[in-house]
Amino acid sequence: MKYVLFDIDGTLVDHSGAEERAMLSIFKQYFSERLESDFAAFASTWRSISETLMEQYLKGLLGFEEQRTMRIMEVFST
């Protein structure tokens, strides 16, 4: 055998679970006091922003850290 391929995301590393726990932690700490806020709406906003910025990153329009920083800035500005 010459090569071994590891499927990290979703197999060796639970990215989705980690992201869900991070979103819940951020929501509880910063957004749950807002009467109009609910976690489902917050998570939907988070995912939409994440997808848009990841597309920009994959096209080479943003750096990796830049898209992460922009995601937090946009989430907190909504």
PDB file of N, CA and C in Angstrom:
ATOM      1  N   MET A   1       0.853  -1.173   0.000  1.00  0.00           N
ATOM      2  CA  MET A   1       0.000   0.000   0.000  1.00  0.00           C
ATOM      3  C   MET A   1       0.897   1.234   0.000  1.00  0.00           C
ATOM      4  N   LYS A   2       0.599   2.162  -0.925  1.00  0.00           N
ATOM      5  CA  LYS A   2       1.390   3.381  -1.047  1.00  0.00           C
ATOM      6  C   LYS A   2       0.780   4.567  -0.324  1.00  0.00           C
ATOM      7  N   TYR A   3      -0.541   4.613  -0.302  1.00  0.00           N
ATOM      8  CA  TYR A   3      -1.206   5.798   0.225  1.00  0.00           C
ATOM      9  C   TYR A   3      -2.326   5.408   1.186  1.00  0.00           C
ATOM     10  N   VAL A   4      -2.531   6.286   2.137  1.00  0.00           N
ATOM     11  CA  VAL A   4      -3.665   6.142   3.048  1.00  0.00           C
ATOM     12  C   VAL A   4      -4.384   7.482   3.050  1.00  0.00           C
ATOM     13  N   LEU A   5      -5.674   7.450   2.836  1.00  0.00           N
ATOM     14  CA  LEU A   5      -6.494   8.662   2.813  1.00  0.00           C
ATOM     15  C   LEU A   5      -7.376   8.676   4.052  1.00  0.00           C
ATOM     16  N   PHE A   6      -7.336   9.766   4.782  1.00  0.00           N
ATOM     17  CA  PHE A   6      -8.182   9.924   5.964  1.00  0.00           C
ATOM     18  C   PHE A   6      -9.249  10.974   5.668  1.00  0.00           C
ATOM     19  N   ASP A   7     -10.492  10.610   5.873  1.00  0.00           N
ATOM     20  CA  ASP A   7     -11.606  11.538   5.738  1.00  0.00           C
ATOM     21  C   ASP A   7     -11.805  12.171   7.112  1.00  0.00           C
ATOM     22  N   ILE A   8     -11.234  13.344   7.302  1.00  0.00           N
ATOM     23  CA  ILE A   8     -11.231  13.958   8.631  1.00  0.00           C
ATOM     24  C   ILE A   8     -12.602  14.500   8.999  1.00  0.00           C
ATOM     25  N   ASP A   9     -13.164  15.375   8.168  1.00  0.00           N
ATOM     26  CA  ASP A   9     -14.396  16.078   8.524  1.00  0.00           C
ATOM     27  C   ASP A   9     -15.590  15.135   8.485  1.00  0.00           C
ATOM     28  N   GLY A  10     -16.188  14.920   9.619  1.00  0.00           N
ATOM     29  CA  GLY A  10     -17.358  14.051   9.721  1.00  0.00           C
ATOM     30  C   GLY A  10     -17.016  12.614  10.060  1.00  0.00           C
ATOM     31  N   THR A  11     -15.758  12.251   9.953  1.00  0.00           N
ATOM     32  CA  THR A  11     -15.345  10.882  10.273  1.00  0.00           C
ATOM     33  C   THR A  11     -14.451  10.889  11.507  1.00  0.00           C
ATOM     34  N   LEU A  12     -13.285  11.491  11.381  1.00  0.00           N
ATOM     35  CA  LEU A  12     -12.354  11.553  12.512  1.00  0.00           C
ATOM     36  C   LEU A  12     -12.595  12.778  13.389  1.00  0.00           C
ATOM     37  N   VAL A  13     -13.166  13.817  12.809  1.00  0.00           N
ATOM     38  CA  VAL A  13     -13.455  15.047  13.534  1.00  0.00           C
ATOM     39  C   VAL A  13     -14.934  15.381  13.327  1.00  0.00           C
ATOM     40  N   ASP A  14     -15.638  15.606  14.412  1.00  0.00           N
ATOM     41  CA  ASP A  14     -17.060  15.936  14.342  1.00  0.00           C
ATOM     42  C   ASP A  14     -17.231  17.446  14.225  1.00  0.00           C
ATOM     43  N   HIS A  15     -16.988  17.975  13.027  1.00  0.00           N
ATOM     44  CA  HIS A  15     -17.085  19.418  12.818  1.00  0.00           C
ATOM     45  C   HIS A  15     -18.506  19.927  13.060  1.00  0.00           C
ATOM     46  N   SER A  16     -19.494  19.211  12.557  1.00  0.00           N
ATOM     47  CA  SER A  16     -20.890  19.654  12.698  1.00  0.00           C
ATOM     48  C   SER A  16     -21.305  19.718  14.158  1.00  0.00           C
ATOM     49  N   GLY A  17     -20.942  18.713  14.921  1.00  0.00           N
ATOM     50  CA  GLY A  17     -21.272  18.705  16.350  1.00  0.00           C
ATOM     51  C   GLY A  17     -20.569  19.820  17.096  1.00  0.00           C
ATOM     52  N   ALA A  18     -19.300  20.044  16.761  1.00  0.00           N
ATOM     53  CA  ALA A  18     -18.540  21.118  17.405  1.00  0.00           C
ATOM     54  C   ALA A  18     -19.131  22.480  17.053  1.00  0.00           C
ATOM     55  N   GLU A  19     -19.516  22.650  15.786  1.00  0.00           N
ATOM     56  CA  GLU A  19     -20.118  23.917  15.370  1.00  0.00           C
ATOM     57  C   GLU A  19     -21.454  24.143  16.090  1.00  0.00           C
ATOM     58  N   GLU A  20     -22.246  23.086  16.204  1.00  0.00           N
ATOM     59  CA  GLU A  20     -23.543  23.193  16.890  1.00  0.00           C
ATOM     60  C   GLU A  20     -23.349  23.594  18.359  1.00  0.00           C
ATOM     61  N   ARG A  21     -22.390  22.977  19.030  1.00  0.00           N
ATOM     62  CA  ARG A  21     -22.119  23.322  20.437  1.00  0.00           C
ATOM     63  C   ARG A  21     -21.609  24.757  20.568  1.00  0.00           C
ATOM     64  N   ALA A  22     -20.773  25.184  19.622  1.00  0.00           N
ATOM     65  CA  ALA A  22     -20.262  26.561  19.648  1.00  0.00           C
ATOM     66  C   ALA A  22     -21.393  27.559  19.430  1.00  0.00           C
ATOM     67  N   MET A  23     -22.267  27.274  18.446  1.00  0.00           N
ATOM     68  CA  MET A  23     -23.404  28.172  18.202  1.00  0.00           C
ATOM     69  C   MET A  23     -24.290  28.274  19.439  1.00  0.00           C
ATOM     70  N   LEU A  24     -24.572  27.144  20.074  1.00  0.00           N
ATOM     71  CA  LEU A  24     -25.428  27.149  21.261  1.00  0.00           C
ATOM     72  C   LEU A  24     -24.787  27.942  22.392  1.00  0.00           C
ATOM     73  N   SER A  25     -23.490  27.775  22.571  1.00  0.00           N
ATOM     74  CA  SER A  25     -22.777  28.513  23.619  1.00  0.00           C
ATOM     75  C   SER A  25     -22.820  30.021  23.357  1.00  0.00           C
ATOM     76  N   ILE A  26     -22.558  30.429  22.113  1.00  0.00           N
ATOM     77  CA  ILE A  26     -22.605  31.854  21.757  1.00  0.00           C
ATOM     78  C   ILE A  26     -24.019  32.390  21.927  1.00  0.00           C
ATOM     79  N   PHE A  27     -25.000  31.625  21.471  1.00  0.00           N
ATOM     80  CA  PHE A  27     -26.391  32.062  21.598  1.00  0.00           C
ATOM     81  C   PHE A  27     -26.766  32.275  23.059  1.00  0.00           C
ATOM     82  N   LYS A  28     -26.459  31.303  23.906  1.00  0.00           N
ATOM     83  CA  LYS A  28     -26.817  31.406  25.327  1.00  0.00           C
ATOM     84  C   LYS A  28     -26.133  32.591  25.992  1.00  0.00           C
ATOM     85  N   GLN A  29     -24.866  32.810  25.648  1.00  0.00           N
ATOM     86  CA  GLN A  29     -24.109  33.870  26.311  1.00  0.00           C
ATOM     87  C   GLN A  29     -24.481  35.269  25.818  1.00  0.00           C
ATOM     88  N   TYR A  30     -24.776  35.413  24.525  1.00  0.00           N
ATOM     89  CA  TYR A  30     -24.932  36.756  23.970  1.00  0.00           C
ATOM     90  C   TYR A  30     -26.309  37.099  23.407  1.00  0.00           C
ATOM     91  N   PHE A  31     -27.131  36.104  23.085  1.00  0.00           N
ATOM     92  CA  PHE A  31     -28.357  36.399  22.367  1.00  0.00           C
ATOM     93  C   PHE A  31     -29.640  35.962  23.066  1.00  0.00           C
ATOM     94  N   SER A  32     -29.583  35.076  24.023  1.00  0.00           N
ATOM     95  CA  SER A  32     -30.809  34.516  24.598  1.00  0.00           C
ATOM     96  C   SER A  32     -31.629  35.535  25.389  1.00  0.00           C
ATOM     97  N   GLU A  33     -31.040  36.640  25.783  1.00  0.00           N
ATOM     98  CA  GLU A  33     -31.777  37.661  26.542  1.00  0.00           C
ATOM     99  C   GLU A  33     -32.714  38.462  25.643  1.00  0.00           C
ATOM    100  N   ARG A  34     -32.470  38.463  24.366  1.00  0.00           N
ATOM    101  CA  ARG A  34     -33.340  39.186  23.443  1.00  0.00           C
ATOM    102  C   ARG A  34     -34.645  38.421  23.315  1.00  0.00           C
ATOM    103  N   LEU A  35     -35.752  39.073  23.603  1.00  0.00           N
ATOM    104  CA  LEU A  35     -37.049  38.415  23.602  1.00  0.00           C
ATOM    105  C   LEU A  35     -37.400  37.806  22.243  1.00  0.00           C
ATOM    106  N   GLU A  36     -36.966  38.445  21.152  1.00  0.00           N
ATOM    107  CA  GLU A  36     -37.331  37.953  19.827  1.00  0.00           C
ATOM    108  C   GLU A  36     -36.412  36.827  19.348  1.00  0.00           C
ATOM    109  N   SER A  37     -35.359  36.567  20.098  1.00  0.00           N
ATOM    110  CA  SER A  37     -34.384  35.564  19.672  1.00  0.00           C
ATOM    111  C   SER A  37     -34.809  34.150  20.019  1.00  0.00           C
ATOM    112  N   ASP A  38     -34.544  33.244  19.093  1.00  0.00           N
ATOM    113  CA  ASP A  38     -34.651  31.828  19.391  1.00  0.00           C
ATOM    114  C   ASP A  38     -33.475  31.141  18.709  1.00  0.00           C
ATOM    115  N   PHE A  39     -33.073  30.012  19.229  1.00  0.00           N
ATOM    116  CA  PHE A  39     -31.867  29.356  18.747  1.00  0.00           C
ATOM    117  C   PHE A  39     -31.986  28.937  17.286  1.00  0.00           C
ATOM    118  N   ALA A  40     -33.132  28.449  16.864  1.00  0.00           N
ATOM    119  CA  ALA A  40     -33.293  28.007  15.473  1.00  0.00           C
ATOM    120  C   ALA A  40     -33.026  29.158  14.492  1.00  0.00           C
ATOM    121  N   ALA A  41     -33.549  30.337  14.803  1.00  0.00           N
ATOM    122  CA  ALA A  41     -33.328  31.502  13.946  1.00  0.00           C
ATOM    123  C   ALA A  41     -31.856  31.911  13.962  1.00  0.00           C
ATOM    124  N   PHE A  42     -31.262  31.889  15.146  1.00  0.00           N
ATOM    125  CA  PHE A  42     -29.845  32.217  15.273  1.00  0.00           C
ATOM    126  C   PHE A  42     -28.990  31.246  14.467  1.00  0.00           C
ATOM    127  N   ALA A  43     -29.249  29.948  14.599  1.00  0.00           N
ATOM    128  CA  ALA A  43     -28.479  28.926  13.883  1.00  0.00           C
ATOM    129  C   ALA A  43     -28.636  29.073  12.378  1.00  0.00           C
ATOM    130  N   SER A  44     -29.833  29.402  11.920  1.00  0.00           N
ATOM    131  CA  SER A  44     -30.078  29.608  10.502  1.00  0.00           C
ATOM    132  C   SER A  44     -29.261  30.789   9.976  1.00  0.00           C
ATOM    133  N   THR A  45     -29.242  31.868  10.737  1.00  0.00           N
ATOM    134  CA  THR A  45     -28.454  33.047  10.366  1.00  0.00           C
ATOM    135  C   THR A  45     -26.978  32.697  10.328  1.00  0.00           C
ATOM    136  N   TRP A  46     -26.489  32.014  11.356  1.00  0.00           N
ATOM    137  CA  TRP A  46     -25.087  31.589  11.437  1.00  0.00           C
ATOM    138  C   TRP A  46     -24.701  30.775  10.196  1.00  0.00           C
ATOM    139  N   ARG A  47     -25.516  29.789   9.870  1.00  0.00           N
ATOM    140  CA  ARG A  47     -25.208  28.901   8.740  1.00  0.00           C
ATOM    141  C   ARG A  47     -25.230  29.651   7.410  1.00  0.00           C
ATOM    142  N   SER A  48     -26.179  30.539   7.242  1.00  0.00           N
ATOM    143  CA  SER A  48     -26.263  31.318   6.007  1.00  0.00           C
ATOM    144  C   SER A  48     -25.019  32.187   5.827  1.00  0.00           C
ATOM    145  N   ILE A  49     -24.642  32.876   6.872  1.00  0.00           N
ATOM    146  CA  ILE A  49     -23.443  33.718   6.834  1.00  0.00           C
ATOM    147  C   ILE A  49     -22.211  32.853   6.586  1.00  0.00           C
ATOM    148  N   SER A  50     -22.122  31.727   7.271  1.00  0.00           N
ATOM    149  CA  SER A  50     -20.977  30.825   7.111  1.00  0.00           C
ATOM    150  C   SER A  50     -20.845  30.342   5.675  1.00  0.00           C
ATOM    151  N   GLU A  51     -21.947  29.936   5.074  1.00  0.00           N
ATOM    152  CA  GLU A  51     -21.921  29.428   3.697  1.00  0.00           C
ATOM    153  C   GLU A  51     -21.462  30.512   2.720  1.00  0.00           C
ATOM    154  N   THR A  52     -21.984  31.704   2.869  1.00  0.00           N
ATOM    155  CA  THR A  52     -21.618  32.807   1.983  1.00  0.00           C
ATOM    156  C   THR A  52     -20.129  33.118   2.083  1.00  0.00           C
ATOM    157  N   LEU A  53     -19.636  33.207   3.310  1.00  0.00           N
ATOM    158  CA  LEU A  53     -18.225  33.547   3.502  1.00  0.00           C
ATOM    159  C   LEU A  53     -17.305  32.402   3.097  1.00  0.00           C
ATOM    160  N   MET A  54     -17.725  31.163   3.298  1.00  0.00           N
ATOM    161  CA  MET A  54     -16.908  30.030   2.883  1.00  0.00           C
ATOM    162  C   MET A  54     -16.787  29.993   1.364  1.00  0.00           C
ATOM    163  N   GLU A  55     -17.858  30.320   0.658  1.00  0.00           N
ATOM    164  CA  GLU A  55     -17.795  30.400  -0.804  1.00  0.00           C
ATOM    165  C   GLU A  55     -16.766  31.439  -1.239  1.00  0.00           C
ATOM    166  N   GLN A  56     -16.751  32.577  -0.561  1.00  0.00           N
ATOM    167  CA  GLN A  56     -15.785  33.625  -0.883  1.00  0.00           C
ATOM    168  C   GLN A  56     -14.361  33.154  -0.591  1.00  0.00           C
ATOM    169  N   TYR A  57     -14.198  32.436   0.514  1.00  0.00           N
ATOM    170  CA  TYR A  57     -12.883  31.884   0.857  1.00  0.00           C
ATOM    171  C   TYR A  57     -12.417  30.891  -0.214  1.00  0.00           C
ATOM    172  N   LEU A  58     -13.299  29.986  -0.617  1.00  0.00           N
ATOM    173  CA  LEU A  58     -12.943  28.974  -1.611  1.00  0.00           C
ATOM    174  C   LEU A  58     -12.625  29.581  -2.974  1.00  0.00           C
ATOM    175  N   LYS A  59     -13.198  30.740  -3.267  1.00  0.00           N
ATOM    176  CA  LYS A  59     -12.895  31.445  -4.518  1.00  0.00           C
ATOM    177  C   LYS A  59     -11.609  32.267  -4.407  1.00  0.00           C
ATOM    178  N   GLY A  60     -11.013  32.303  -3.217  1.00  0.00           N
ATOM    179  CA  GLY A  60      -9.786  33.061  -3.017  1.00  0.00           C
ATOM    180  C   GLY A  60     -10.001  34.529  -2.738  1.00  0.00           C
ATOM    181  N   LEU A  61     -11.249  34.907  -2.439  1.00  0.00           N
ATOM    182  CA  LEU A  61     -11.558  36.318  -2.178  1.00  0.00           C
ATOM    183  C   LEU A  61     -11.289  36.720  -0.738  1.00  0.00           C
ATOM    184  N   LEU A  62     -11.237  35.743   0.168  1.00  0.00           N
ATOM    185  CA  LEU A  62     -10.981  35.980   1.586  1.00  0.00           C
ATOM    186  C   LEU A  62      -9.970  34.952   2.084  1.00  0.00           C
ATOM    187  N   GLY A  63      -9.196  35.344   3.087  1.00  0.00           N
ATOM    188  CA  GLY A  63      -8.328  34.394   3.762  1.00  0.00           C
ATOM    189  C   GLY A  63      -9.145  33.587   4.762  1.00  0.00           C
ATOM    190  N   PHE A  64      -8.590  32.479   5.244  1.00  0.00           N
ATOM    191  CA  PHE A  64      -9.322  31.616   6.165  1.00  0.00           C
ATOM    192  C   PHE A  64      -9.689  32.343   7.454  1.00  0.00           C
ATOM    193  N   GLU A  65      -8.728  32.984   8.085  1.00  0.00           N
ATOM    194  CA  GLU A  65      -9.005  33.710   9.331  1.00  0.00           C
ATOM    195  C   GLU A  65      -9.929  34.894   9.075  1.00  0.00           C
ATOM    196  N   GLU A  66      -9.765  35.533   7.938  1.00  0.00           N
ATOM    197  CA  GLU A  66     -10.608  36.677   7.595  1.00  0.00           C
ATOM    198  C   GLU A  66     -12.081  36.268   7.517  1.00  0.00           C
ATOM    199  N   GLN A  67     -12.380  35.138   6.868  1.00  0.00           N
ATOM    200  CA  GLN A  67     -13.778  34.709   6.773  1.00  0.00           C
ATOM    201  C   GLN A  67     -14.328  34.322   8.134  1.00  0.00           C
ATOM    202  N   ARG A  68     -13.496  33.776   9.005  1.00  0.00           N
ATOM    203  CA  ARG A  68     -13.965  33.441  10.357  1.00  0.00           C
ATOM    204  C   ARG A  68     -14.287  34.701  11.154  1.00  0.00           C
ATOM    205  N   THR A  69     -13.407  35.689  11.043  1.00  0.00           N
ATOM    206  CA  THR A  69     -13.623  36.958  11.746  1.00  0.00           C
ATOM    207  C   THR A  69     -14.869  37.656  11.221  1.00  0.00           C
ATOM    208  N   MET A  70     -15.023  37.675   9.912  1.00  0.00           N
ATOM    209  CA  MET A  70     -16.189  38.322   9.317  1.00  0.00           C
ATOM    210  C   MET A  70     -17.481  37.624   9.720  1.00  0.00           C
ATOM    211  N   ARG A  71     -17.453  36.311   9.862  1.00  0.00           N
ATOM    212  CA  ARG A  71     -18.659  35.583  10.288  1.00  0.00           C
ATOM    213  C   ARG A  71     -19.107  36.075  11.655  1.00  0.00           C
ATOM    214  N   ILE A  72     -18.198  36.161  12.597  1.00  0.00           N
ATOM    215  CA  ILE A  72     -18.551  36.638  13.947  1.00  0.00           C
ATOM    216  C   ILE A  72     -19.061  38.074  13.893  1.00  0.00           C
ATOM    217  N   MET A  73     -18.366  38.915  13.129  1.00  0.00           N
ATOM    218  CA  MET A  73     -18.804  40.312  13.027  1.00  0.00           C
ATOM    219  C   MET A  73     -20.209  40.417  12.452  1.00  0.00           C
ATOM    220  N   GLU A  74     -20.510  39.638  11.414  1.00  0.00           N
ATOM    221  CA  GLU A  74     -21.831  39.692  10.802  1.00  0.00           C
ATOM    222  C   GLU A  74     -22.906  39.102  11.718  1.00  0.00           C
ATOM    223  N   VAL A  75     -22.586  38.019  12.409  1.00  0.00           N
ATOM    224  CA  VAL A  75     -23.560  37.418  13.333  1.00  0.00           C
ATOM    225  C   VAL A  75     -23.932  38.426  14.421  1.00  0.00           C
ATOM    226  N   PHE A  76     -22.943  39.128  14.938  1.00  0.00           N
ATOM    227  CA  PHE A  76     -23.216  40.076  16.013  1.00  0.00           C
ATOM    228  C   PHE A  76     -23.868  41.366  15.513  1.00  0.00           C
ATOM    229  N   SER A  77     -23.816  41.622  14.215  1.00  0.00           N
ATOM    230  CA  SER A  77     -24.435  42.840  13.697  1.00  0.00           C
ATOM    231  C   SER A  77     -25.893  42.607  13.278  1.00  0.00           C
ATOM    232  N   THR A  78     -26.366  41.351  13.303  1.00  0.00           N
ATOM    233  CA  THR A  78     -27.740  41.078  12.903  1.00  0.00           C
ATOM    234  C   THR A  78     -28.700  41.244  14.056  1.00  0.00           C
TER     235      THR A  78
END
